[in-house]
Protein backbone atom coordinates (compact mmCIF):
# COMPACT_ATOMS: atom_id res chain seq x y z
CA UNK A 1 -35.95 231.63 46.33
CA UNK A 2 -38.78 230.66 48.74
CA UNK A 3 -38.38 230.31 52.67
CA UNK A 4 -38.33 226.59 53.23
CA UNK A 5 -40.63 226.99 56.41
CA UNK A 6 -43.22 228.91 54.27
CA UNK A 7 -43.02 226.19 51.16
CA UNK A 8 -43.31 223.47 53.52
CA UNK A 9 -46.70 224.97 54.99
CA UNK A 10 -47.78 225.35 51.86
CA UNK A 11 -47.38 221.59 51.10
CA UNK A 12 -49.04 220.87 54.34
CA UNK A 13 -51.95 222.69 53.30
CA UNK A 14 -51.83 221.47 49.68
CA UNK A 15 -51.81 217.85 51.27
CA UNK A 16 -54.62 218.76 53.27
CA UNK A 17 -56.77 219.74 50.34
CA UNK A 18 -55.91 216.51 48.70
CA UNK A 19 -57.09 214.63 51.66
CA UNK A 20 -60.59 216.66 51.44
CA UNK A 21 -60.64 215.93 47.60
CA UNK A 22 -59.96 212.41 48.00
CA UNK A 23 -62.38 212.01 50.69
CA UNK A 24 -65.22 213.62 48.84
CA UNK A 25 -64.13 211.49 45.83
CA UNK A 26 -64.12 208.25 48.01
CA UNK A 27 -68.08 208.89 48.62
CA UNK A 28 -69.01 208.75 45.19
CA UNK A 29 -70.37 205.16 44.70
CA UNK A 30 -69.02 203.50 41.59
CA UNK A 31 -69.79 200.51 39.21
CA UNK A 32 -66.61 198.31 39.10
CA UNK A 33 -67.51 195.91 35.94
CA UNK A 34 -70.97 194.46 37.60
CA UNK A 35 -74.37 196.07 38.55
CA UNK A 36 -73.33 196.66 42.16
CA UNK A 37 -72.41 200.19 43.16
CA UNK A 38 -69.36 200.21 45.58
CA UNK A 39 -67.72 202.83 47.67
CA UNK A 40 -64.32 203.30 47.20
CA UNK A 41 -63.80 201.89 51.15
CA UNK A 42 -65.46 198.71 49.96
CA UNK A 43 -63.56 198.53 46.59
CA UNK A 44 -59.99 199.15 48.46
CA UNK A 45 -61.30 196.70 51.16
CA UNK A 46 -61.97 194.26 48.12
CA UNK A 47 -58.50 194.86 47.15
CA UNK A 48 -56.92 193.94 49.87
CA UNK A 49 -58.75 190.75 49.99
CA UNK A 50 -57.93 189.97 46.73
CA UNK A 51 -54.18 191.02 47.43
CA UNK A 52 -54.22 188.63 50.31
CA UNK A 53 -56.16 185.78 48.91
CA UNK A 54 -57.31 184.80 52.09
CA UNK A 55 -57.35 187.01 54.95
CA UNK A 56 -59.22 187.80 58.25
CA UNK A 57 -61.00 191.38 59.46
CA UNK A 58 -57.91 191.49 61.90
CA UNK A 59 -55.17 191.92 59.14
CA UNK A 60 -57.47 194.39 57.14
CA UNK A 61 -58.06 196.72 60.25
CA UNK A 62 -54.10 196.56 60.79
CA UNK A 63 -53.39 197.65 57.27
CA UNK A 64 -56.32 200.39 57.15
CA UNK A 65 -55.79 201.48 60.59
CA UNK A 66 -59.64 200.88 61.25
CA UNK A 67 -61.15 198.97 64.12
CA UNK A 68 -62.06 195.15 63.39
CA UNK A 69 -66.02 196.35 63.85
CA UNK A 70 -65.27 198.98 61.05
CA UNK A 71 -63.84 196.42 58.81
CA UNK A 72 -66.76 193.73 60.03
CA UNK A 73 -69.32 196.12 58.54
CA UNK A 74 -67.68 196.74 55.52
CA UNK A 75 -67.15 192.86 55.21
CA UNK A 76 -70.83 192.06 55.60
CA UNK A 77 -71.73 194.56 52.89
CA UNK A 78 -69.36 192.99 50.42
CA UNK A 79 -71.15 189.42 51.72
CA UNK A 80 -74.54 190.96 50.81
CA UNK A 81 -73.37 192.03 47.34
CA UNK A 82 -71.91 188.49 46.90
CA UNK A 83 -68.30 189.81 46.17
CA UNK A 84 -66.65 187.97 49.51
CA UNK A 85 -67.49 184.73 51.58
CA UNK A 86 -66.46 184.61 55.05
CA UNK A 87 -65.96 181.06 56.86
CA UNK A 88 -64.30 179.27 59.61
CA UNK A 89 -60.22 178.65 59.49
CA UNK A 90 -60.17 174.72 59.75
CA UNK A 91 -56.88 175.06 61.73
CA UNK A 92 -58.10 177.92 63.93
CA UNK A 93 -61.57 177.36 64.58
CA UNK A 94 -61.67 181.26 66.32
CA UNK A 95 -60.51 182.92 62.98
CA UNK A 96 -62.87 183.60 60.11
CA UNK A 97 -61.30 183.43 56.74
CA UNK A 98 -62.57 186.24 54.14
CA UNK A 99 -61.95 185.43 50.42
CA UNK A 100 -63.20 186.87 47.19
CA UNK A 101 -66.07 185.19 45.30
CA UNK A 102 -66.12 184.74 41.50
CA UNK A 103 -67.91 187.87 41.47
CA UNK A 104 -65.48 189.56 43.68
CA UNK A 105 -62.51 188.52 41.32
CA UNK A 106 -64.53 190.50 38.47
CA UNK A 107 -64.55 193.65 40.56
CA UNK A 108 -61.19 193.19 41.73
CA UNK A 109 -59.69 192.66 38.10
CA UNK A 110 -61.81 195.57 36.58
CA UNK A 111 -60.63 197.73 39.88
CA UNK A 112 -56.95 196.87 39.05
CA UNK A 113 -57.45 198.14 35.27
CA UNK A 114 -59.15 201.20 36.16
CA UNK A 115 -56.33 202.15 38.87
CA UNK A 116 -53.59 201.46 35.90
CA UNK A 117 -55.67 203.88 33.56
CA UNK A 118 -55.94 206.38 36.17
CA UNK A 119 -52.26 206.18 37.20
CA UNK A 120 -51.51 206.46 33.82
CA UNK A 121 -53.38 209.74 33.19
CA UNK A 122 -51.78 211.19 36.60
CA UNK A 123 -48.34 210.28 35.04
CA UNK A 124 -49.27 212.13 31.73
CA UNK A 125 -49.66 215.36 33.81
CA UNK A 126 -46.52 214.70 35.95
CA UNK A 127 -44.52 213.80 33.15
CA UNK A 128 -41.99 216.65 33.81
CA UNK A 129 -41.09 215.23 36.99
CA UNK A 130 -38.65 212.28 37.16
CA UNK A 131 -38.37 209.12 39.37
CA UNK A 132 -36.05 210.70 41.63
CA UNK A 133 -38.54 213.68 42.41
CA UNK A 134 -41.33 210.98 42.94
CA UNK A 135 -39.00 209.28 45.35
CA UNK A 136 -38.26 212.32 47.32
CA UNK A 137 -42.04 213.04 47.51
CA UNK A 138 -42.65 209.70 48.72
CA UNK A 139 -40.24 209.76 51.29
CA UNK A 140 -41.83 212.91 52.70
CA UNK A 141 -45.27 211.46 52.54
CA UNK A 142 -43.88 208.54 54.58
CA UNK A 143 -42.22 210.39 57.29
CA UNK A 144 -45.86 212.45 57.58
CA UNK A 145 -47.57 209.55 57.54
CA UNK A 146 -45.48 207.88 60.47
CA UNK A 147 -46.08 210.89 62.33
CA UNK A 148 -49.70 211.04 62.01
CA UNK A 149 -49.51 207.24 62.81
CA UNK A 150 -47.63 207.94 65.85
CA UNK A 151 -50.48 210.95 66.98
CA UNK A 152 -53.44 208.66 66.22
CA UNK A 153 -52.05 205.63 68.26
CA UNK A 154 -50.97 208.19 71.22
CA UNK A 155 -54.64 209.50 71.00
CA UNK A 156 -56.09 205.78 70.74
């Protein structure tokens, strides 16, 4: 039987490799049902806006653990691509509301379907794992993510 510490270190190394691969994958522009090419950070920001219906850069920044400035840059790109609109909140003039345009809704819906297909492909590859296995792994990742978030916040 493998040593727990050694196995954990291997898990963390695999997690780092996954992080690097995801980062590379995210840097490939794609089309999501329109002629617009989007980077994954743009598509995921669009998804957050679509999930919230109406949101602000502050909410998106908090969810993504990014600065408001970084989110504003992404939102500005999405505005130029006619995927989102930004306007003053009539109830709070200082606040800017962001929501999807009709074209943004097309991309949002397309991306949701694409995710369902891709997640289905992952599930086929992982069919010998149980729901309990996924729950355990998700629990571990949540603990690791919480620790990472604390480290980030302590440095910031």
